[in-house]
């Protein structure tokens, strides 16, 4: 079973998402070996107002040769189809609109690696778990985005 990693500070979700994509692709890398490369590639800015932008994440995925298709405000059917065909989905979304009860207002990157009939398997999704399940309702809220902050999704393929 793949051992995914969770972010270790408030602003490293972008670089951690890239590490988890490589882990999903069965690459043998460790957090400590790769976090500095991922931070550089994402143009990650550490600190309380730092982090990675969607465009920074897009550039990092391209530079690292990760096969992807970007979608802005994708449909849940498109996400389901990609996951059912063996893909993964990197999501860039705004947390308070996606997670009921979450009080902070910030962007986040999480990797979706599969689904069941009623839920999605998420890596580093902003909860206390490294890998957890999110309901179809929460996934719809993530994909819906906010009025001025749409969800970005990258459909990731291994080949």
N, C-alpha and C. Protein backbone atom coordinates (compact mmCIF):
# COMPACT_ATOMS: atom_id res chain seq x y z
N UNK A 1 0.84 -1.18 0.00
CA UNK A 1 0.00 0.00 0.00
C UNK A 1 0.88 1.25 0.00
N UNK A 2 0.49 2.23 -0.77
CA UNK A 2 1.24 3.47 -0.87
C UNK A 2 1.15 4.25 0.44
N UNK A 3 2.27 4.78 0.87
CA UNK A 3 2.29 5.59 2.08
C UNK A 3 2.39 7.06 1.67
N UNK A 4 1.25 7.74 1.72
CA UNK A 4 1.17 9.15 1.34
C UNK A 4 1.66 10.03 2.49
N UNK A 5 1.92 11.30 2.19
CA UNK A 5 2.39 12.22 3.21
C UNK A 5 1.36 13.33 3.43
N UNK A 6 1.41 13.89 4.62
CA UNK A 6 0.55 14.99 5.01
C UNK A 6 1.42 16.23 5.17
N UNK A 7 0.86 17.38 4.91
CA UNK A 7 1.65 18.60 5.06
C UNK A 7 2.03 18.81 6.52
N UNK A 8 3.20 19.41 6.70
CA UNK A 8 3.74 19.58 8.05
C UNK A 8 3.72 21.02 8.52
N UNK A 9 3.20 21.91 7.70
CA UNK A 9 3.03 23.30 8.12
C UNK A 9 1.80 23.86 7.41
N UNK A 10 1.44 25.08 7.71
CA UNK A 10 0.19 25.65 7.19
C UNK A 10 0.18 25.92 5.69
N UNK A 11 1.35 26.05 5.07
CA UNK A 11 1.36 26.51 3.68
C UNK A 11 1.98 25.54 2.69
N UNK A 12 2.21 24.30 3.06
CA UNK A 12 2.92 23.39 2.14
C UNK A 12 2.01 22.42 1.39
N UNK A 13 0.71 22.69 1.30
CA UNK A 13 -0.18 21.75 0.63
C UNK A 13 0.15 21.59 -0.86
N UNK A 14 0.60 22.64 -1.52
CA UNK A 14 0.97 22.55 -2.94
C UNK A 14 2.13 21.60 -3.18
N UNK A 15 3.29 21.82 -2.51
CA UNK A 15 4.41 20.89 -2.66
C UNK A 15 4.07 19.47 -2.20
N UNK A 16 3.30 19.34 -1.13
CA UNK A 16 2.92 18.00 -0.63
C UNK A 16 2.03 17.30 -1.66
N UNK A 17 1.17 18.04 -2.33
CA UNK A 17 0.32 17.44 -3.37
C UNK A 17 1.19 16.85 -4.48
N UNK A 18 2.25 17.54 -4.85
CA UNK A 18 3.14 17.02 -5.89
C UNK A 18 3.86 15.76 -5.41
N UNK A 19 4.32 15.75 -4.18
CA UNK A 19 4.95 14.55 -3.63
C UNK A 19 3.95 13.39 -3.67
N UNK A 20 2.71 13.64 -3.30
CA UNK A 20 1.71 12.58 -3.29
C UNK A 20 1.34 12.11 -4.69
N UNK A 21 1.41 12.99 -5.67
CA UNK A 21 1.19 12.54 -7.06
C UNK A 21 2.28 11.55 -7.45
N UNK A 22 3.54 11.86 -7.13
CA UNK A 22 4.63 10.93 -7.45
C UNK A 22 4.47 9.61 -6.69
N UNK A 23 4.01 9.67 -5.46
CA UNK A 23 3.77 8.45 -4.69
C UNK A 23 2.64 7.64 -5.34
N UNK A 24 1.58 8.32 -5.77
CA UNK A 24 0.48 7.65 -6.46
C UNK A 24 0.98 6.97 -7.75
N UNK A 25 1.99 7.58 -8.39
CA UNK A 25 2.58 7.02 -9.61
C UNK A 25 3.60 5.93 -9.29
N UNK A 26 3.70 5.53 -8.02
CA UNK A 26 4.60 4.47 -7.55
C UNK A 26 6.07 4.86 -7.59
N UNK A 27 6.39 6.14 -7.55
CA UNK A 27 7.78 6.58 -7.44
C UNK A 27 8.19 6.49 -5.98
N UNK A 28 9.38 6.02 -5.75
CA UNK A 28 9.89 5.88 -4.39
C UNK A 28 10.63 7.15 -3.99
N UNK A 29 9.91 8.10 -3.40
CA UNK A 29 10.53 9.34 -2.92
C UNK A 29 10.06 9.57 -1.49
N UNK A 30 10.86 10.31 -0.75
CA UNK A 30 10.47 10.65 0.61
C UNK A 30 10.19 12.14 0.71
N UNK A 31 9.47 12.49 1.74
CA UNK A 31 9.15 13.89 2.00
C UNK A 31 10.44 14.71 2.11
N UNK A 32 11.36 14.25 2.93
CA UNK A 32 12.59 15.00 3.17
C UNK A 32 13.46 15.13 1.92
N UNK A 33 13.45 14.12 1.05
CA UNK A 33 14.24 14.16 -0.18
C UNK A 33 13.69 15.16 -1.19
N UNK A 34 12.37 15.33 -1.22
CA UNK A 34 11.75 16.03 -2.33
C UNK A 34 11.08 17.35 -1.97
N UNK A 35 10.83 17.63 -0.71
CA UNK A 35 10.04 18.81 -0.36
C UNK A 35 10.68 20.10 -0.85
N UNK A 36 12.00 20.21 -0.82
CA UNK A 36 12.66 21.45 -1.26
C UNK A 36 12.52 21.64 -2.78
N UNK A 37 12.61 20.56 -3.53
CA UNK A 37 12.42 20.62 -4.98
C UNK A 37 10.98 21.03 -5.28
N UNK A 38 10.02 20.40 -4.59
CA UNK A 38 8.62 20.70 -4.83
C UNK A 38 8.30 22.16 -4.47
N UNK A 39 8.86 22.65 -3.37
CA UNK A 39 8.62 24.05 -2.99
C UNK A 39 9.17 25.00 -4.07
N UNK A 40 10.34 24.70 -4.58
CA UNK A 40 10.94 25.53 -5.62
C UNK A 40 10.09 25.50 -6.89
N UNK A 41 9.69 24.31 -7.30
CA UNK A 41 8.91 24.16 -8.53
C UNK A 41 7.56 24.88 -8.45
N UNK A 42 6.94 24.88 -7.28
CA UNK A 42 5.63 25.50 -7.10
C UNK A 42 5.71 26.99 -6.88
N UNK A 43 6.94 27.53 -6.81
CA UNK A 43 7.11 28.94 -6.43
C UNK A 43 6.43 29.18 -5.08
N UNK A 44 6.60 28.22 -4.19
CA UNK A 44 5.99 28.25 -2.87
C UNK A 44 6.60 29.35 -2.01
N UNK A 45 5.76 30.12 -1.38
CA UNK A 45 6.19 31.19 -0.47
C UNK A 45 5.83 30.79 0.95
N UNK A 46 6.82 30.44 1.79
CA UNK A 46 6.50 30.05 3.16
C UNK A 46 6.01 31.23 3.99
N UNK A 47 5.37 30.94 5.10
CA UNK A 47 4.91 31.99 6.00
C UNK A 47 3.41 32.04 6.07
N UNK A 48 2.92 32.91 6.92
CA UNK A 48 1.49 32.94 7.20
C UNK A 48 0.64 33.29 5.98
N UNK A 49 1.15 34.14 5.08
CA UNK A 49 0.40 34.49 3.88
C UNK A 49 1.00 33.84 2.63
N UNK A 50 1.85 32.88 2.84
CA UNK A 50 2.52 32.22 1.73
C UNK A 50 1.69 31.09 1.15
N UNK A 51 2.36 30.23 0.43
CA UNK A 51 1.69 29.09 -0.19
C UNK A 51 1.94 29.07 -1.67
N UNK A 52 1.15 28.30 -2.36
CA UNK A 52 1.29 28.10 -3.80
C UNK A 52 0.01 28.54 -4.48
N UNK A 53 0.13 29.26 -5.57
CA UNK A 53 -1.06 29.64 -6.35
C UNK A 53 -1.41 28.52 -7.32
N UNK A 54 -2.61 28.61 -7.88
CA UNK A 54 -3.00 27.63 -8.91
C UNK A 54 -2.05 27.68 -10.10
N UNK A 55 -1.65 28.89 -10.50
CA UNK A 55 -0.73 29.01 -11.63
C UNK A 55 0.65 28.44 -11.28
N UNK A 56 1.10 28.65 -10.05
CA UNK A 56 2.37 28.07 -9.61
C UNK A 56 2.31 26.55 -9.64
N UNK A 57 1.19 26.01 -9.24
CA UNK A 57 1.02 24.55 -9.26
C UNK A 57 1.00 24.04 -10.70
N UNK A 58 0.32 24.75 -11.57
CA UNK A 58 0.26 24.39 -13.00
C UNK A 58 1.67 24.34 -13.60
N UNK A 59 2.47 25.35 -13.32
CA UNK A 59 3.83 25.41 -13.85
C UNK A 59 4.68 24.27 -13.31
N UNK A 60 4.53 23.96 -12.02
CA UNK A 60 5.31 22.88 -11.42
C UNK A 60 4.95 21.54 -12.05
N UNK A 61 3.67 21.27 -12.25
CA UNK A 61 3.25 20.01 -12.87
C UNK A 61 3.85 19.88 -14.26
N UNK A 62 3.85 20.97 -15.02
CA UNK A 62 4.41 20.95 -16.37
C UNK A 62 5.92 20.73 -16.34
N UNK A 63 6.64 21.46 -15.48
CA UNK A 63 8.09 21.32 -15.39
C UNK A 63 8.52 19.92 -14.98
N UNK A 64 7.71 19.29 -14.15
CA UNK A 64 8.05 17.95 -13.65
C UNK A 64 7.58 16.84 -14.59
N UNK A 65 6.94 17.21 -15.69
CA UNK A 65 6.53 16.23 -16.70
C UNK A 65 5.34 15.37 -16.29
N UNK A 66 4.52 15.87 -15.39
CA UNK A 66 3.34 15.12 -14.95
C UNK A 66 2.24 15.29 -16.00
N UNK A 67 1.73 14.15 -16.49
CA UNK A 67 0.70 14.18 -17.52
C UNK A 67 -0.62 14.61 -16.89
N UNK A 68 -1.18 15.72 -17.40
CA UNK A 68 -2.38 16.29 -16.79
C UNK A 68 -3.21 17.06 -17.79
N UNK A 69 -4.48 17.23 -17.43
CA UNK A 69 -5.39 18.12 -18.16
C UNK A 69 -6.04 19.02 -17.12
N UNK A 70 -5.95 20.33 -17.33
CA UNK A 70 -6.53 21.27 -16.38
C UNK A 70 -7.99 21.53 -16.71
N UNK A 71 -8.79 21.57 -15.66
CA UNK A 71 -10.19 21.93 -15.78
C UNK A 71 -10.50 22.98 -14.71
N UNK A 72 -11.23 24.01 -15.08
CA UNK A 72 -11.70 24.99 -14.11
C UNK A 72 -13.20 24.77 -13.94
N UNK A 73 -13.62 24.59 -12.68
CA UNK A 73 -14.99 24.24 -12.33
C UNK A 73 -15.44 22.97 -13.08
N UNK A 74 -14.75 21.86 -12.90
CA UNK A 74 -15.14 20.63 -13.58
C UNK A 74 -16.45 20.07 -13.03
N UNK A 75 -17.10 19.25 -13.82
CA UNK A 75 -18.32 18.59 -13.35
C UNK A 75 -17.94 17.35 -12.53
N UNK A 76 -18.83 16.95 -11.66
CA UNK A 76 -18.58 15.76 -10.86
C UNK A 76 -18.56 14.51 -11.76
N UNK A 77 -19.32 14.53 -12.85
CA UNK A 77 -19.32 13.41 -13.80
C UNK A 77 -17.94 13.26 -14.46
N UNK A 78 -17.32 14.39 -14.79
CA UNK A 78 -15.99 14.36 -15.39
C UNK A 78 -14.96 13.80 -14.41
N UNK A 79 -15.06 14.20 -13.14
CA UNK A 79 -14.17 13.69 -12.11
C UNK A 79 -14.39 12.19 -11.93
N UNK A 80 -15.65 11.77 -11.83
CA UNK A 80 -15.97 10.34 -11.68
C UNK A 80 -15.41 9.52 -12.82
N UNK A 81 -15.61 9.98 -14.03
CA UNK A 81 -15.14 9.26 -15.22
C UNK A 81 -13.61 9.09 -15.19
N UNK A 82 -12.90 10.16 -14.83
CA UNK A 82 -11.44 10.09 -14.78
C UNK A 82 -10.97 9.12 -13.69
N UNK A 83 -11.59 9.19 -12.52
CA UNK A 83 -11.21 8.27 -11.44
C UNK A 83 -11.53 6.83 -11.82
N UNK A 84 -12.68 6.60 -12.45
CA UNK A 84 -13.08 5.24 -12.85
C UNK A 84 -12.13 4.67 -13.90
N UNK A 85 -11.45 5.54 -14.66
CA UNK A 85 -10.49 5.09 -15.67
C UNK A 85 -9.07 4.97 -15.12
N UNK A 86 -8.94 5.02 -13.79
CA UNK A 86 -7.64 4.80 -13.17
C UNK A 86 -6.81 6.05 -12.93
N UNK A 87 -7.38 7.21 -13.13
CA UNK A 87 -6.65 8.45 -12.92
C UNK A 87 -6.78 8.96 -11.49
N UNK A 88 -6.10 10.06 -11.23
CA UNK A 88 -6.21 10.78 -9.96
C UNK A 88 -6.55 12.22 -10.30
N UNK A 89 -7.02 12.98 -9.33
CA UNK A 89 -7.40 14.36 -9.57
C UNK A 89 -6.79 15.24 -8.49
N UNK A 90 -5.99 16.21 -8.93
CA UNK A 90 -5.46 17.21 -8.02
C UNK A 90 -6.45 18.37 -8.00
N UNK A 91 -6.91 18.74 -6.80
CA UNK A 91 -7.90 19.80 -6.66
C UNK A 91 -7.27 21.01 -5.98
N UNK A 92 -7.51 22.18 -6.54
CA UNK A 92 -7.13 23.45 -5.92
C UNK A 92 -8.42 24.18 -5.60
N UNK A 93 -8.71 24.34 -4.31
CA UNK A 93 -10.01 24.88 -3.93
C UNK A 93 -9.90 25.77 -2.70
N UNK A 94 -10.99 26.44 -2.40
CA UNK A 94 -11.05 27.35 -1.27
C UNK A 94 -11.77 26.64 -0.14
N UNK A 95 -11.11 26.43 0.98
CA UNK A 95 -11.60 25.55 2.04
C UNK A 95 -12.97 25.93 2.64
N UNK A 96 -13.25 27.17 3.03
CA UNK A 96 -14.50 27.38 3.76
C UNK A 96 -15.75 27.06 2.94
N UNK A 97 -15.63 27.08 1.63
CA UNK A 97 -16.79 26.77 0.80
C UNK A 97 -16.94 25.27 0.60
N UNK A 98 -15.91 24.51 0.96
CA UNK A 98 -15.94 23.08 0.70
C UNK A 98 -16.10 22.24 1.96
N UNK A 99 -15.72 22.77 3.10
CA UNK A 99 -15.72 21.98 4.33
C UNK A 99 -16.66 22.63 5.34
N UNK A 100 -17.85 22.06 5.53
CA UNK A 100 -18.78 22.65 6.51
C UNK A 100 -18.15 22.74 7.89
N UNK A 101 -18.31 23.89 8.53
CA UNK A 101 -17.78 24.09 9.87
C UNK A 101 -16.34 24.59 9.92
N UNK A 102 -15.66 24.63 8.78
CA UNK A 102 -14.28 25.10 8.77
C UNK A 102 -14.29 26.62 8.85
N UNK A 103 -13.58 27.19 9.78
CA UNK A 103 -13.66 28.62 10.05
C UNK A 103 -12.63 29.45 9.29
N UNK A 104 -11.51 28.88 8.92
CA UNK A 104 -10.46 29.63 8.26
C UNK A 104 -10.78 29.85 6.78
N UNK A 105 -10.28 30.92 6.23
CA UNK A 105 -10.49 31.21 4.82
C UNK A 105 -9.15 31.10 4.10
N UNK A 106 -8.95 30.01 3.39
CA UNK A 106 -7.68 29.83 2.68
C UNK A 106 -7.84 28.84 1.54
N UNK A 107 -6.89 28.90 0.61
CA UNK A 107 -6.88 27.95 -0.48
C UNK A 107 -6.21 26.66 -0.03
N UNK A 108 -6.44 25.60 -0.78
CA UNK A 108 -5.86 24.31 -0.43
C UNK A 108 -5.72 23.44 -1.67
N UNK A 109 -4.71 22.56 -1.65
CA UNK A 109 -4.54 21.54 -2.68
C UNK A 109 -4.66 20.17 -2.03
N UNK A 110 -5.44 19.30 -2.63
CA UNK A 110 -5.58 17.92 -2.15
C UNK A 110 -5.67 17.00 -3.35
N UNK A 111 -5.27 15.76 -3.17
CA UNK A 111 -5.27 14.77 -4.24
C UNK A 111 -6.39 13.77 -4.01
N UNK A 112 -7.21 13.56 -5.01
CA UNK A 112 -8.27 12.55 -4.97
C UNK A 112 -7.77 11.34 -5.75
N UNK A 113 -7.71 10.18 -5.09
CA UNK A 113 -7.10 9.00 -5.72
C UNK A 113 -8.10 7.88 -6.03
N UNK A 114 -9.37 8.09 -5.73
CA UNK A 114 -10.36 7.06 -6.03
C UNK A 114 -11.71 7.45 -5.47
N UNK A 115 -12.66 6.54 -5.66
CA UNK A 115 -14.00 6.81 -5.16
C UNK A 115 -14.75 5.52 -4.91
N UNK A 116 -15.77 5.63 -4.09
CA UNK A 116 -16.74 4.56 -3.90
C UNK A 116 -18.07 5.11 -4.41
N UNK A 117 -19.13 4.38 -4.20
CA UNK A 117 -20.44 4.85 -4.65
C UNK A 117 -20.83 6.16 -3.97
N UNK A 118 -20.43 6.33 -2.70
CA UNK A 118 -20.89 7.49 -1.92
C UNK A 118 -19.80 8.45 -1.47
N UNK A 119 -18.55 8.12 -1.72
CA UNK A 119 -17.49 8.99 -1.21
C UNK A 119 -16.26 8.99 -2.10
N UNK A 120 -15.36 9.90 -1.80
CA UNK A 120 -14.12 10.07 -2.55
C UNK A 120 -12.94 9.86 -1.60
N UNK A 121 -11.90 9.21 -2.08
CA UNK A 121 -10.70 8.96 -1.28
C UNK A 121 -9.74 10.11 -1.53
N UNK A 122 -9.47 10.87 -0.46
CA UNK A 122 -8.69 12.09 -0.56
C UNK A 122 -7.40 11.98 0.23
N UNK A 123 -6.34 12.58 -0.30
CA UNK A 123 -5.04 12.62 0.37
C UNK A 123 -4.76 14.07 0.77
N UNK A 124 -4.43 14.28 2.04
CA UNK A 124 -4.10 15.61 2.58
C UNK A 124 -5.22 16.61 2.28
N UNK A 125 -6.43 16.28 2.69
CA UNK A 125 -7.59 17.11 2.34
C UNK A 125 -7.94 18.18 3.36
N UNK A 126 -7.04 18.45 4.29
CA UNK A 126 -7.30 19.49 5.27
C UNK A 126 -7.86 18.97 6.59
N UNK A 127 -8.09 17.67 6.68
CA UNK A 127 -8.52 17.07 7.94
C UNK A 127 -7.29 16.55 8.67
N UNK A 128 -7.48 15.93 9.81
CA UNK A 128 -6.34 15.42 10.57
C UNK A 128 -5.78 14.12 10.00
N UNK A 129 -6.45 13.55 9.00
CA UNK A 129 -6.01 12.29 8.42
C UNK A 129 -5.19 12.52 7.15
N UNK A 130 -4.20 11.66 6.93
CA UNK A 130 -3.43 11.74 5.69
C UNK A 130 -4.29 11.29 4.52
N UNK A 131 -4.97 10.15 4.68
CA UNK A 131 -5.89 9.63 3.66
C UNK A 131 -7.25 9.46 4.33
N UNK A 132 -8.27 10.02 3.70
CA UNK A 132 -9.61 9.90 4.28
C UNK A 132 -10.66 9.93 3.19
N UNK A 133 -11.89 9.81 3.60
CA UNK A 133 -13.01 9.83 2.66
C UNK A 133 -13.80 11.12 2.84
N UNK A 134 -14.26 11.64 1.72
CA UNK A 134 -15.14 12.80 1.70
C UNK A 134 -16.41 12.41 0.97
N UNK A 135 -17.53 12.87 1.46
CA UNK A 135 -18.82 12.51 0.87
C UNK A 135 -18.98 13.14 -0.51
N UNK A 136 -19.92 12.61 -1.26
CA UNK A 136 -20.25 13.17 -2.57
C UNK A 136 -20.73 14.62 -2.42
N UNK A 137 -21.46 14.91 -1.35
CA UNK A 137 -21.91 16.27 -1.07
C UNK A 137 -20.73 17.22 -0.93
N UNK A 138 -19.73 16.84 -0.15
CA UNK A 138 -18.56 17.70 0.04
C UNK A 138 -17.81 17.86 -1.28
N UNK A 139 -17.67 16.78 -2.05
CA UNK A 139 -16.99 16.89 -3.35
C UNK A 139 -17.73 17.86 -4.26
N UNK A 140 -19.05 17.83 -4.27
CA UNK A 140 -19.81 18.78 -5.08
C UNK A 140 -19.54 20.21 -4.64
N UNK A 141 -19.44 20.43 -3.34
CA UNK A 141 -19.13 21.78 -2.83
C UNK A 141 -17.73 22.22 -3.23
N UNK A 142 -16.78 21.30 -3.19
CA UNK A 142 -15.41 21.61 -3.61
C UNK A 142 -15.41 22.03 -5.08
N UNK A 143 -16.06 21.24 -5.92
CA UNK A 143 -16.07 21.51 -7.36
C UNK A 143 -16.85 22.78 -7.70
N UNK A 144 -17.86 23.07 -6.93
CA UNK A 144 -18.67 24.27 -7.15
C UNK A 144 -17.85 25.53 -6.95
N UNK A 145 -16.94 25.51 -5.99
CA UNK A 145 -16.12 26.68 -5.72
C UNK A 145 -16.93 27.81 -5.14
N UNK A 146 -16.33 28.98 -5.12
CA UNK A 146 -16.99 30.17 -4.62
C UNK A 146 -17.28 31.10 -5.79
N UNK A 147 -18.03 32.15 -5.53
CA UNK A 147 -18.43 33.06 -6.60
C UNK A 147 -17.25 33.58 -7.40
N UNK A 148 -16.19 33.97 -6.72
CA UNK A 148 -15.04 34.55 -7.41
C UNK A 148 -13.81 33.66 -7.33
N UNK A 149 -13.95 32.48 -6.73
CA UNK A 149 -12.80 31.59 -6.55
C UNK A 149 -13.19 30.20 -7.05
N UNK A 150 -13.08 29.94 -8.34
CA UNK A 150 -13.48 28.64 -8.85
C UNK A 150 -12.49 27.54 -8.45
N UNK A 151 -13.00 26.33 -8.41
CA UNK A 151 -12.14 25.17 -8.17
C UNK A 151 -11.36 24.87 -9.45
N UNK A 152 -10.07 24.61 -9.28
CA UNK A 152 -9.26 24.12 -10.39
C UNK A 152 -9.03 22.64 -10.16
N UNK A 153 -9.06 21.86 -11.21
CA UNK A 153 -8.77 20.43 -11.10
C UNK A 153 -7.79 20.06 -12.21
N UNK A 154 -6.85 19.22 -11.86
CA UNK A 154 -5.94 18.65 -12.84
C UNK A 154 -6.18 17.17 -12.88
N UNK A 155 -6.60 16.67 -14.04
CA UNK A 155 -6.84 15.25 -14.21
C UNK A 155 -5.48 14.61 -14.50
N UNK A 156 -4.99 13.82 -13.57
CA UNK A 156 -3.65 13.25 -13.63
C UNK A 156 -3.71 11.82 -14.14
N UNK A 157 -2.80 11.49 -15.06
CA UNK A 157 -2.70 10.14 -15.59
C UNK A 157 -1.31 9.59 -15.37
N UNK A 158 -1.21 8.28 -15.18
CA UNK A 158 0.10 7.66 -14.96
C UNK A 158 0.88 7.52 -16.25
N UNK A 159 0.21 7.33 -17.36
CA UNK A 159 0.94 7.13 -18.63
C UNK A 159 0.88 8.33 -19.54
